[in-house]
Amino acid sequence: MSFINGTSLTPASFILNGIPGLEEVHLWISFPLCTMYSIAITGNFGLMYLIYSEEALHRPMYIFLALLSFTDVLMCTSTLPNTLCILWFSLKEIDFKACLAQMFFVHTFTGMESGVLMLMALDRYVAICYPLRYTTILTNEVIAKAGLLTFLRGVVLVIPFTFLTRRLPYCRGNVIPHTYCDHMSVAKISCGNVRINAIYGLMVALLIGGFDILCITISYTMILRAVVSLSSADAQQKAFSTCTAHICAIVITYVPAFFTFFTHRLGCGGGGHTIPPHIHIIMANLYLLMPPTMNPIVYGVKTKQIQKSVIRFLLKGKKKILIKFK
């Protein structure tokens, strides 16, 4: 094990050990992960380009969706290329500073993902409860400020993770039983007191996830009240149908997020042994891959305006090809 200097207990690098217990099937595990990553990159870039190029999609709902797609791309790209290098080529070593940087980006973008979902819930609340004032309330300036504040919130709250992790002594070794540098996964291999790390991690989870879920719950409570008060069943169905894609995105994001968060607190891979470490690590990867993979598919299937824009875009492309060959 190498150290930065002779007296320091800070390693020059860590070894990301992949998925302990499943080393023999690393190659097979990599194929579905690579497939999902390819779908995520293609789907989200395609969705962003479609929203940018189609004037009919230049509305607050779709601008927030483009922001969600952008966040999804950054979130999965912060870990998946490195994970695939581990699974394919056994390139397990990562520089200490690079590990801290990856930790920062992972938690910042996951926090931003949660924040954008919260903003999209508020967007649906304004659209359904104040339809006549929708475009005047959610102007481009308001959307830009909301997106920036969501990003800054994540940065400010996540930066302490790097300092709290850097201060820890690593006298037990430098092998991390994970595919990427997660805050608690790194902290748990330290021989120091990680109680502050655990407490601060819980505080950040409450300040970001807890606050966002509360706002989403309040928004949908108000939406439900507004929808129920509508006179016709057709109007109720039409109003609530605009929320189905967003509800699916919330479920896809928060279910694996809760699983990953609580298994860390229950001592997964440590003293508890209640959940096999390889299950936790696979779920931690799916937590970063599922939303980017599924969100473009869900919104493509559930949103008629996007479907129409895709058809219109394909017809334009077909016309251009026919004109070119004529």
Protein backbone atom coordinates (compact mmCIF):
# COMPACT_ATOMS: atom_id res chain seq x y z
CA MET A 1 0.00 0.00 0.00
CA SER A 2 1.39 3.39 -1.04
CA PHE A 3 1.00 6.63 0.90
CA ILE A 4 1.44 10.28 -0.01
CA ASN A 5 4.30 10.56 2.47
CA GLY A 6 5.95 8.44 5.10
CA THR A 7 4.05 9.82 8.07
CA SER A 8 0.63 10.31 6.49
CA LEU A 9 -2.20 7.84 6.79
CA THR A 10 -3.71 9.14 3.54
CA PRO A 11 -3.22 6.70 0.64
CA ALA A 12 -1.91 7.90 -2.71
CA SER A 13 -4.66 5.84 -4.34
CA PHE A 14 -7.56 3.52 -3.64
CA ILE A 15 -8.38 0.15 -5.16
CA LEU A 16 -12.00 -0.14 -6.27
CA ASN A 17 -12.63 -3.85 -5.93
CA GLY A 18 -15.71 -4.04 -8.16
CA ILE A 19 -18.40 -6.41 -6.89
CA PRO A 20 -16.92 -8.66 -4.17
CA GLY A 21 -18.00 -12.29 -4.46
CA LEU A 22 -18.97 -11.96 -8.12
CA GLU A 23 -15.49 -11.45 -9.64
CA GLU A 24 -15.94 -14.43 -11.97
CA VAL A 25 -19.02 -12.90 -13.59
CA HIS A 26 -17.80 -9.30 -13.78
CA LEU A 27 -17.74 -9.51 -17.58
CA TRP A 28 -21.35 -10.74 -17.75
CA ILE A 29 -22.55 -8.08 -15.32
CA SER A 30 -20.90 -5.40 -17.47
CA PHE A 31 -23.07 -6.14 -20.54
CA PRO A 32 -26.45 -5.06 -19.09
CA LEU A 33 -24.76 -2.05 -17.43
CA CYS A 34 -23.15 -1.04 -20.74
CA THR A 35 -26.46 -1.54 -22.58
CA MET A 36 -28.32 0.62 -20.07
CA TYR A 37 -25.62 3.30 -20.25
CA SER A 38 -25.83 3.34 -24.06
CA ILE A 39 -29.62 3.69 -23.93
CA ALA A 40 -29.31 6.45 -21.31
CA ILE A 41 -26.81 8.49 -23.34
CA THR A 42 -28.67 8.04 -26.63
CA GLY A 43 -32.12 8.63 -25.15
CA ASN A 44 -31.23 11.71 -23.11
CA PHE A 45 -29.16 13.41 -25.80
CA GLY A 46 -31.95 12.65 -28.28
CA LEU A 47 -34.54 14.12 -25.93
CA MET A 48 -32.46 17.27 -25.32
CA TYR A 49 -31.94 17.77 -29.07
CA LEU A 50 -35.66 17.23 -29.74
CA ILE A 51 -36.66 19.81 -27.11
CA TYR A 52 -34.08 22.26 -28.47
CA SER A 53 -35.09 21.85 -32.13
CA GLU A 54 -38.90 21.63 -31.82
CA GLU A 55 -40.53 24.99 -31.14
CA ALA A 56 -43.68 23.27 -29.82
CA LEU A 57 -41.58 21.94 -26.92
CA HIS A 58 -40.25 25.36 -25.85
CA ARG A 59 -42.46 25.33 -22.75
CA PRO A 60 -41.56 25.21 -19.03
CA MET A 61 -42.50 21.52 -18.65
CA TYR A 62 -40.13 20.45 -21.43
CA ILE A 63 -37.36 22.83 -20.39
CA PHE A 64 -37.39 21.14 -16.97
CA LEU A 65 -37.38 17.78 -18.75
CA ALA A 66 -34.29 18.84 -20.75
CA LEU A 67 -32.63 19.85 -17.46
CA LEU A 68 -33.50 16.43 -16.04
CA SER A 69 -31.97 14.72 -19.09
CA PHE A 70 -28.81 16.83 -18.79
CA THR A 71 -28.52 15.89 -15.10
CA ASP A 72 -29.11 12.21 -15.92
CA VAL A 73 -26.27 12.19 -18.45
CA LEU A 74 -23.83 13.76 -15.98
CA MET A 75 -24.98 11.51 -13.13
CA CYS A 76 -24.41 8.18 -14.90
CA THR A 77 -21.26 9.37 -16.72
CA SER A 78 -19.65 10.25 -13.37
CA THR A 79 -19.36 6.52 -12.56
CA LEU A 80 -20.19 4.17 -15.45
CA PRO A 81 -17.08 4.59 -17.65
CA ASN A 82 -14.90 3.92 -14.59
CA THR A 83 -17.10 0.98 -13.53
CA LEU A 84 -16.86 -0.60 -16.98
CA CYS A 85 -13.06 -0.25 -16.90
CA ILE A 86 -13.05 -2.17 -13.61
CA LEU A 87 -15.36 -4.92 -14.90
CA TRP A 88 -13.73 -5.25 -18.34
CA PHE A 89 -10.04 -4.58 -17.81
CA SER A 90 -9.56 -4.84 -14.00
CA LEU A 91 -8.34 -1.21 -13.94
CA LYS A 92 -9.15 -0.87 -10.26
CA GLU A 93 -6.74 1.81 -9.06
CA ILE A 94 -8.00 5.36 -8.65
CA ASP A 95 -6.01 8.34 -7.42
CA PHE A 96 -7.04 9.64 -3.99
CA LYS A 97 -7.95 13.10 -5.34
CA ALA A 98 -9.76 11.56 -8.31
CA CYS A 99 -11.77 9.46 -5.84
CA LEU A 100 -12.77 12.58 -3.91
CA ALA A 101 -13.70 14.31 -7.17
CA GLN A 102 -15.87 11.37 -8.25
CA MET A 103 -17.53 11.36 -4.82
CA PHE A 104 -18.30 15.07 -5.19
CA PHE A 105 -19.81 14.72 -8.67
CA VAL A 106 -21.85 11.60 -7.81
CA HIS A 107 -23.52 13.21 -4.80
CA THR A 108 -23.91 16.63 -6.44
CA PHE A 109 -25.68 15.21 -9.49
CA THR A 110 -27.87 12.83 -7.49
CA GLY A 111 -28.88 15.81 -5.33
CA MET A 112 -29.60 17.82 -8.46
CA GLU A 113 -31.66 14.94 -9.88
CA SER A 114 -33.86 15.05 -6.79
CA GLY A 115 -34.09 18.84 -7.00
CA VAL A 116 -35.16 18.82 -10.66
CA LEU A 117 -37.90 16.27 -9.88
CA MET A 118 -39.11 18.63 -7.16
CA LEU A 119 -39.11 21.56 -9.61
CA MET A 120 -41.07 19.45 -12.11
CA ALA A 121 -43.67 18.72 -9.40
CA LEU A 122 -44.02 22.46 -8.77
CA ASP A 123 -44.33 22.96 -12.54
CA ARG A 124 -47.26 20.49 -12.65
CA TYR A 125 -48.84 22.23 -9.64
CA VAL A 126 -48.73 25.63 -11.38
CA ALA A 127 -49.94 24.15 -14.71
CA ILE A 128 -52.99 22.47 -13.15
CA CYS A 129 -53.89 24.89 -10.34
CA TYR A 130 -53.06 28.15 -12.16
CA PRO A 131 -53.33 27.30 -15.89
CA LEU A 132 -54.03 30.88 -17.03
CA ARG A 133 -50.91 32.22 -15.28
CA TYR A 134 -48.67 29.26 -16.14
CA THR A 135 -46.38 30.98 -18.67
CA THR A 136 -46.26 34.25 -16.72
CA ILE A 137 -45.24 32.52 -13.46
CA LEU A 138 -42.72 30.10 -14.98
CA THR A 139 -40.74 32.42 -17.22
CA ASN A 140 -37.35 31.46 -18.68
CA GLU A 141 -35.67 33.66 -16.07
CA VAL A 142 -37.47 31.88 -13.21
CA ILE A 143 -36.60 28.46 -14.65
CA ALA A 144 -32.93 29.43 -15.04
CA LYS A 145 -32.72 30.76 -11.46
CA ALA A 146 -34.47 27.66 -10.08
CA GLY A 147 -32.08 25.35 -11.94
CA LEU A 148 -29.04 27.31 -10.78
CA LEU A 149 -30.19 27.33 -7.14
CA THR A 150 -30.80 23.57 -7.29
CA PHE A 151 -27.26 23.03 -8.57
CA LEU A 152 -25.70 25.39 -6.00
CA ARG A 153 -27.63 23.72 -3.18
CA GLY A 154 -26.05 20.39 -4.13
CA VAL A 155 -22.54 21.87 -4.44
CA VAL A 156 -22.67 23.69 -1.08
CA LEU A 157 -24.02 20.66 0.81
CA VAL A 158 -21.76 18.07 -0.86
CA ILE A 159 -18.40 19.91 -0.66
CA PRO A 160 -18.00 19.04 3.08
CA PHE A 161 -18.08 15.33 2.12
CA THR A 162 -14.66 15.69 0.52
CA PHE A 163 -13.14 17.41 3.57
CA LEU A 164 -14.72 14.96 6.02
CA THR A 165 -13.37 12.03 4.00
CA ARG A 166 -9.94 13.57 3.47
CA ARG A 167 -9.36 14.04 7.23
CA LEU A 168 -9.85 10.33 8.01
CA PRO A 169 -6.86 8.00 8.60
CA TYR A 170 -6.71 4.92 6.35
CA CYS A 171 -4.51 2.53 8.30
CA ARG A 172 -6.61 -0.59 7.50
CA GLY A 173 -5.83 -0.53 3.80
CA ASN A 174 -6.95 1.19 0.64
CA VAL A 175 -9.32 -1.40 -0.89
CA ILE A 176 -12.89 -0.15 -1.36
CA PRO A 177 -15.45 -2.94 -1.91
CA HIS A 178 -17.37 -0.94 -4.52
CA THR A 179 -17.34 0.06 -8.18
CA TYR A 180 -17.14 3.82 -7.50
CA CYS A 181 -16.22 6.23 -4.71
CA ASP A 182 -19.34 6.69 -2.64
CA HIS A 183 -19.06 8.80 0.52
CA MET A 184 -19.90 6.11 3.08
CA SER A 185 -18.15 3.32 1.16
CA VAL A 186 -14.88 5.26 1.38
CA ALA A 187 -15.46 6.35 4.99
CA LYS A 188 -16.14 2.78 6.16
CA ILE A 189 -12.64 1.53 5.23
CA SER A 190 -11.09 4.16 7.52
CA CYS A 191 -9.79 3.23 10.96
CA GLY A 192 -10.93 6.60 12.32
CA ASN A 193 -14.22 7.77 13.80
CA VAL A 194 -16.75 8.09 10.96
CA ARG A 195 -19.65 9.17 13.16
CA ILE A 196 -19.45 12.77 11.91
CA ASN A 197 -19.51 11.50 8.32
CA ALA A 198 -22.60 9.39 9.03
CA ILE A 199 -24.42 12.21 10.84
CA TYR A 200 -23.61 14.79 8.16
CA GLY A 201 -24.60 12.32 5.42
CA LEU A 202 -27.96 11.87 7.14
CA MET A 203 -28.38 15.66 7.43
CA VAL A 204 -27.69 16.14 3.71
CA ALA A 205 -30.13 13.36 2.83
CA LEU A 206 -32.82 15.11 4.89
CA LEU A 207 -31.99 18.59 3.55
CA ILE A 208 -32.07 17.44 -0.06
CA GLY A 209 -34.14 14.26 -0.34
CA GLY A 210 -36.41 14.94 2.63
CA PHE A 211 -37.12 18.53 1.58
CA ASP A 212 -37.73 17.57 -2.07
CA ILE A 213 -40.06 14.69 -1.17
CA LEU A 214 -42.01 17.01 1.15
CA CYS A 215 -42.42 19.59 -1.66
CA ILE A 216 -43.43 16.86 -4.13
CA THR A 217 -45.99 15.47 -1.65
CA ILE A 218 -47.49 18.91 -0.98
CA SER A 219 -47.59 19.69 -4.73
CA TYR A 220 -49.41 16.47 -5.58
CA THR A 221 -51.81 16.89 -2.67
CA MET A 222 -52.80 20.28 -4.08
CA ILE A 223 -52.93 18.83 -7.61
CA LEU A 224 -55.21 16.00 -6.44
CA ARG A 225 -57.55 18.48 -4.77
CA ALA A 226 -57.68 20.59 -7.93
CA VAL A 227 -58.29 17.58 -10.19
CA VAL A 228 -61.07 16.17 -7.96
CA SER A 229 -62.84 19.55 -8.04
CA LEU A 230 -63.08 19.50 -11.85
CA SER A 231 -66.61 18.99 -13.12
CA SER A 232 -66.18 16.25 -15.75
CA ALA A 233 -64.37 12.91 -15.55
CA ASP A 234 -62.76 13.59 -18.92
CA ALA A 235 -61.23 16.84 -17.64
CA GLN A 236 -59.98 15.04 -14.52
CA GLN A 237 -58.33 12.31 -16.58
CA LYS A 238 -56.77 14.82 -18.99
CA ALA A 239 -55.38 16.95 -16.15
CA PHE A 240 -53.91 14.04 -14.21
CA SER A 241 -52.50 12.33 -17.34
CA THR A 242 -49.97 15.16 -17.62
CA CYS A 243 -48.50 13.97 -14.28
CA THR A 244 -48.19 10.22 -14.94
CA ALA A 245 -44.74 10.39 -16.57
CA HIS A 246 -43.43 12.52 -13.71
CA ILE A 247 -44.86 10.13 -11.08
CA CYS A 248 -43.11 7.22 -12.85
CA ALA A 249 -39.83 9.19 -12.84
CA ILE A 250 -40.20 9.82 -9.09
CA VAL A 251 -40.71 6.10 -8.37
CA ILE A 252 -37.79 5.08 -10.62
CA THR A 253 -35.48 7.57 -8.86
CA TYR A 254 -36.44 7.30 -5.19
CA VAL A 255 -37.01 3.54 -4.73
CA PRO A 256 -33.37 2.49 -5.46
CA ALA A 257 -32.16 5.69 -3.73
CA PHE A 258 -33.90 4.76 -0.48
CA PHE A 259 -32.61 1.19 -0.71
CA THR A 260 -29.00 2.38 -1.17
CA PHE A 261 -29.25 5.00 1.58
CA PHE A 262 -30.78 2.76 4.24
CA THR A 263 -28.50 -0.25 3.58
CA HIS A 264 -25.52 2.01 4.33
CA ARG A 265 -27.15 3.05 7.63
CA LEU A 266 -27.97 -0.56 8.49
CA GLY A 267 -24.31 -1.51 8.24
CA CYS A 268 -24.37 -3.34 4.94
CA GLY A 269 -20.98 -4.87 4.35
CA GLY A 270 -19.94 -3.93 7.88
CA GLY A 271 -21.16 -5.36 11.14
CA GLY A 272 -24.78 -5.93 10.19
CA HIS A 273 -24.44 -8.35 7.25
CA THR A 274 -28.22 -8.11 6.83
CA ILE A 275 -27.91 -7.58 3.08
CA PRO A 276 -25.19 -9.24 0.95
CA PRO A 277 -22.61 -6.62 -0.15
CA HIS A 278 -22.91 -7.57 -3.84
CA ILE A 279 -26.68 -6.87 -3.76
CA HIS A 280 -26.03 -3.45 -2.27
CA ILE A 281 -23.36 -2.61 -4.87
CA ILE A 282 -25.51 -3.76 -7.80
CA MET A 283 -28.40 -1.65 -6.47
CA ALA A 284 -26.06 1.33 -6.00
CA ASN A 285 -25.15 1.09 -9.69
CA LEU A 286 -28.79 0.71 -10.74
CA TYR A 287 -29.61 3.75 -8.58
CA LEU A 288 -27.39 5.83 -10.88
CA LEU A 289 -28.42 4.03 -14.10
CA MET A 290 -32.15 3.37 -13.83
CA PRO A 291 -33.41 6.99 -13.93
CA PRO A 292 -31.22 8.03 -16.92
CA THR A 293 -32.20 4.87 -18.80
CA MET A 294 -35.92 4.88 -18.08
CA ASN A 295 -36.80 8.61 -18.02
CA PRO A 296 -36.54 9.18 -21.82
CA ILE A 297 -38.54 5.98 -22.43
CA VAL A 298 -41.23 6.89 -19.89
CA TYR A 299 -41.63 10.44 -21.19
CA GLY A 300 -41.57 9.20 -24.79
CA VAL A 301 -44.36 6.69 -24.10
CA LYS A 302 -46.49 8.80 -21.73
CA THR A 303 -46.22 12.27 -23.32
CA LYS A 304 -48.25 12.75 -26.52
CA GLN A 305 -46.56 16.05 -27.40
CA ILE A 306 -43.14 14.36 -27.44
CA GLN A 307 -44.54 11.51 -29.56
CA LYS A 308 -45.92 14.02 -32.08
CA SER A 309 -42.62 15.91 -32.12
CA VAL A 310 -40.67 12.70 -32.75
CA ILE A 311 -42.96 11.80 -35.69
CA ARG A 312 -42.70 15.33 -37.07
CA PHE A 313 -38.91 15.27 -36.67
CA LEU A 314 -38.65 11.91 -38.47
CA LEU A 315 -40.89 13.12 -41.32
CA LYS A 316 -38.73 16.23 -41.74
CA GLY A 317 -35.63 14.04 -41.91
CA LYS A 318 -37.28 11.75 -44.47
CA LYS A 319 -38.24 14.73 -46.65
CA LYS A 320 -34.68 16.09 -46.56
CA ILE A 321 -33.30 12.69 -47.62
CA LEU A 322 -35.81 12.42 -50.50
CA ILE A 323 -34.99 15.96 -51.69
CA LYS A 324 -31.27 15.20 -51.54
CA PHE A 325 -31.58 12.08 -53.70
CA LYS A 326 -33.88 13.80 -56.21
